[in-house]
Amino acid sequence: MALPKVGSIGEYIREQRQQAKISLRQLAAAAGVSNPYLSQIERGLRKPSAEILNQIAKGLHISSQALYVQAGLIEDREPPSDVITAIRSDSLITERQRQVLIDIYESFRKENRAEDEQTSQNAHPRHGSDTDDEPPLPEEFLAALEPFAATSNNGIVTQETKEG
């Protein structure tokens, strides 16, 4: 049943375009497609190729993966994030600000997934580490904390105690 998916991708593109406050003509120009063709996609009359979806995603400043999922080209492996939904629905920030927030959020999630995968692959604990897998602080933070803390030999900051 490809027709419901075709309609849903068009509806999704229209919603994203309207949220970004971009006209059909502006998006068509940014995506390098004709106005009538984009209009037909939005109305569910045409099914865009992956290349056209990439161009539309760039024009909307959104992830092409989101369009691929909506078009049924790839499966959504994770449930939609409430955080991303909230960011996308916030009308008080610009589209550029939304995209920056989403990019930052996704980078945190990607970093945590990579750490989880590494932790599951390395079932053995690290030698010489007494912490909960926290990475050492960057040098500039260590320097700023130096008057208040003593650094152990593995780069982890500990509270300095003074008696007297």
Protein backbone atom coordinates (compact mmCIF):
# COMPACT_ATOMS: atom_id res chain seq x y z
CA MET A 1 0.00 0.00 0.00
CA ALA A 2 2.24 2.79 -1.24
CA LEU A 3 -0.47 5.44 -1.54
CA PRO A 4 -0.85 6.21 2.19
CA LYS A 5 2.92 6.58 2.48
CA VAL A 6 3.03 8.87 -0.56
CA GLY A 7 0.33 11.06 0.99
CA SER A 8 2.03 11.10 4.38
CA ILE A 9 5.37 12.23 2.95
CA GLY A 10 3.66 15.08 1.14
CA GLU A 11 1.76 16.08 4.26
CA TYR A 12 4.97 15.90 6.28
CA ILE A 13 6.83 18.10 3.79
CA ARG A 14 3.97 20.62 3.81
CA GLU A 15 3.93 20.69 7.64
CA GLN A 16 7.69 21.20 7.78
CA ARG A 17 7.52 23.92 5.14
CA GLN A 18 4.72 25.73 6.96
CA GLN A 19 6.52 25.47 10.32
CA ALA A 20 9.62 26.94 8.71
CA LYS A 21 7.44 29.70 7.24
CA ILE A 22 8.74 29.00 3.74
CA SER A 23 6.49 29.41 0.70
CA LEU A 24 6.04 26.63 -1.82
CA ARG A 25 7.98 28.69 -4.37
CA GLN A 26 10.85 29.33 -1.96
CA LEU A 27 11.17 25.63 -1.13
CA ALA A 28 10.92 24.63 -4.78
CA ALA A 29 13.72 27.06 -5.63
CA ALA A 30 15.87 25.90 -2.70
CA ALA A 31 15.31 22.24 -3.61
CA GLY A 32 15.84 22.78 -7.33
CA VAL A 33 12.43 21.41 -8.37
CA SER A 34 9.50 23.05 -10.13
CA ASN A 35 6.59 24.57 -8.22
CA PRO A 36 4.03 22.22 -9.81
CA TYR A 37 6.14 19.15 -9.03
CA LEU A 38 6.57 20.14 -5.36
CA SER A 39 2.85 20.92 -5.15
CA GLN A 40 2.06 17.45 -6.52
CA ILE A 41 4.39 15.86 -3.94
CA GLU A 42 2.70 17.76 -1.12
CA ARG A 43 -0.75 16.71 -2.35
CA GLY A 44 0.32 13.07 -2.57
CA LEU A 45 0.07 12.84 -6.34
CA ARG A 46 3.78 12.17 -6.92
CA LYS A 47 6.28 10.03 -5.08
CA PRO A 48 9.67 11.79 -4.90
CA SER A 49 12.93 9.94 -5.44
CA ALA A 50 15.59 9.71 -2.74
CA GLU A 51 17.58 12.41 -4.54
CA ILE A 52 14.61 14.80 -4.58
CA LEU A 53 13.98 14.04 -0.88
CA ASN A 54 17.61 15.00 -0.15
CA GLN A 55 17.16 18.29 -1.99
CA ILE A 56 13.88 19.01 -0.18
CA ALA A 57 15.48 18.16 3.19
CA LYS A 58 18.30 20.61 2.47
CA GLY A 59 15.78 23.26 1.48
CA LEU A 60 13.86 22.71 4.73
CA HIS A 61 17.05 22.44 6.81
CA ILE A 62 15.93 19.10 8.25
CA SER A 63 17.39 15.62 8.31
CA SER A 64 16.99 13.69 5.08
CA GLN A 65 16.59 10.59 7.27
CA ALA A 66 13.33 12.02 8.61
CA LEU A 67 12.02 12.31 5.06
CA TYR A 68 13.22 8.79 4.18
CA VAL A 69 11.33 7.39 7.17
CA GLN A 70 8.16 9.29 6.20
CA ALA A 71 8.49 8.09 2.60
CA GLY A 72 8.93 4.49 3.74
CA LEU A 73 12.40 4.20 2.23
CA ILE A 74 13.93 3.26 5.59
CA GLU A 75 12.48 2.05 8.85
CA ASP A 76 12.44 4.21 11.92
CA ARG A 77 14.58 2.20 14.32
CA GLU A 78 13.95 4.38 17.35
CA PRO A 79 10.67 5.76 18.59
CA PRO A 80 10.30 9.47 17.90
CA SER A 81 11.89 11.58 20.60
CA ASP A 82 9.63 13.83 22.65
CA VAL A 83 12.52 16.29 22.83
CA ILE A 84 12.77 16.60 19.04
CA THR A 85 8.99 16.84 18.74
CA ALA A 86 8.99 19.65 21.30
CA ILE A 87 11.82 21.49 19.54
CA ARG A 88 10.09 21.20 16.15
CA SER A 89 6.78 22.45 17.53
CA ASP A 90 8.24 25.50 19.30
CA SER A 91 7.08 28.50 17.29
CA LEU A 92 9.09 31.01 19.34
CA ILE A 93 12.43 29.99 17.82
CA THR A 94 13.59 30.16 14.21
CA GLU A 95 14.02 27.15 11.95
CA ARG A 96 17.79 27.59 12.12
CA GLN A 97 17.66 27.59 15.95
CA ARG A 98 15.47 24.46 15.87
CA GLN A 99 17.94 22.67 13.63
CA VAL A 100 20.92 23.65 15.79
CA LEU A 101 19.16 22.35 18.93
CA ILE A 102 18.22 19.11 17.17
CA ASP A 103 21.79 18.67 15.88
CA ILE A 104 23.21 19.18 19.37
CA TYR A 105 20.68 16.79 20.91
CA GLU A 106 21.34 14.15 18.24
CA SER A 107 25.11 14.47 18.75
CA PHE A 108 24.65 13.77 22.47
CA ARG A 109 22.49 10.75 21.68
CA LYS A 110 25.00 9.47 19.10
CA GLU A 111 27.86 9.90 21.58
CA ASN A 112 25.95 8.01 24.27
CA ARG A 113 25.05 5.19 21.85
CA ALA A 114 28.73 4.88 20.89
CA GLU A 115 29.73 4.76 24.57
CA ASP A 116 27.04 2.14 25.27
CA GLU A 117 28.28 0.01 22.38
CA GLN A 118 31.88 0.35 23.54
CA THR A 119 30.90 -0.54 27.11
CA SER A 120 29.03 -3.62 25.96
CA GLN A 121 31.97 -4.71 23.78
CA ASN A 122 34.49 -4.11 26.57
CA ALA A 123 33.04 -6.21 29.35
CA HIS A 124 36.31 -5.95 31.25
CA PRO A 125 36.77 -2.93 33.54
CA ARG A 126 39.51 -0.45 32.73
CA HIS A 127 42.66 -0.77 34.79
CA GLY A 128 43.53 2.12 37.06
CA SER A 129 40.09 3.74 36.96
CA ASP A 130 38.05 4.06 40.13
CA THR A 131 35.28 6.18 38.59
CA ASP A 132 32.02 5.41 36.84
CA ASP A 133 33.42 5.56 33.27
CA GLU A 134 33.61 9.37 33.34
CA PRO A 135 36.14 10.77 30.85
CA PRO A 136 38.83 13.06 32.25
CA LEU A 137 38.07 16.77 32.20
CA PRO A 138 39.61 18.92 29.45
CA GLU A 139 42.83 20.74 30.31
CA GLU A 140 41.22 24.20 30.45
CA PHE A 141 38.68 22.98 33.03
CA LEU A 142 41.39 21.34 35.10
CA ALA A 143 43.39 24.57 35.09
CA ALA A 144 40.34 26.56 36.21
CA LEU A 145 39.62 24.08 39.00
CA GLU A 146 43.22 23.85 40.16
CA PRO A 147 42.92 26.34 43.06
CA PHE A 148 39.96 24.35 44.41
CA ALA A 149 40.91 20.74 43.75
CA ALA A 150 43.80 18.36 43.49
CA THR A 151 44.15 16.21 40.37
CA SER A 152 45.02 12.55 40.71
CA ASN A 153 47.52 10.94 38.37
CA ASN A 154 44.80 9.71 35.98
CA GLY A 155 43.37 13.20 35.27
CA ILE A 156 40.34 12.88 37.54
CA VAL A 157 39.62 15.85 39.80
CA THR A 158 39.14 15.05 43.48
CA GLN A 159 38.19 17.32 46.30
CA GLU A 160 41.18 18.67 48.16
CA THR A 161 40.97 18.58 51.92
CA LYS A 162 42.90 20.99 54.09
CA GLU A 163 43.37 20.45 57.77
CA GLY A 164 44.30 23.04 60.29
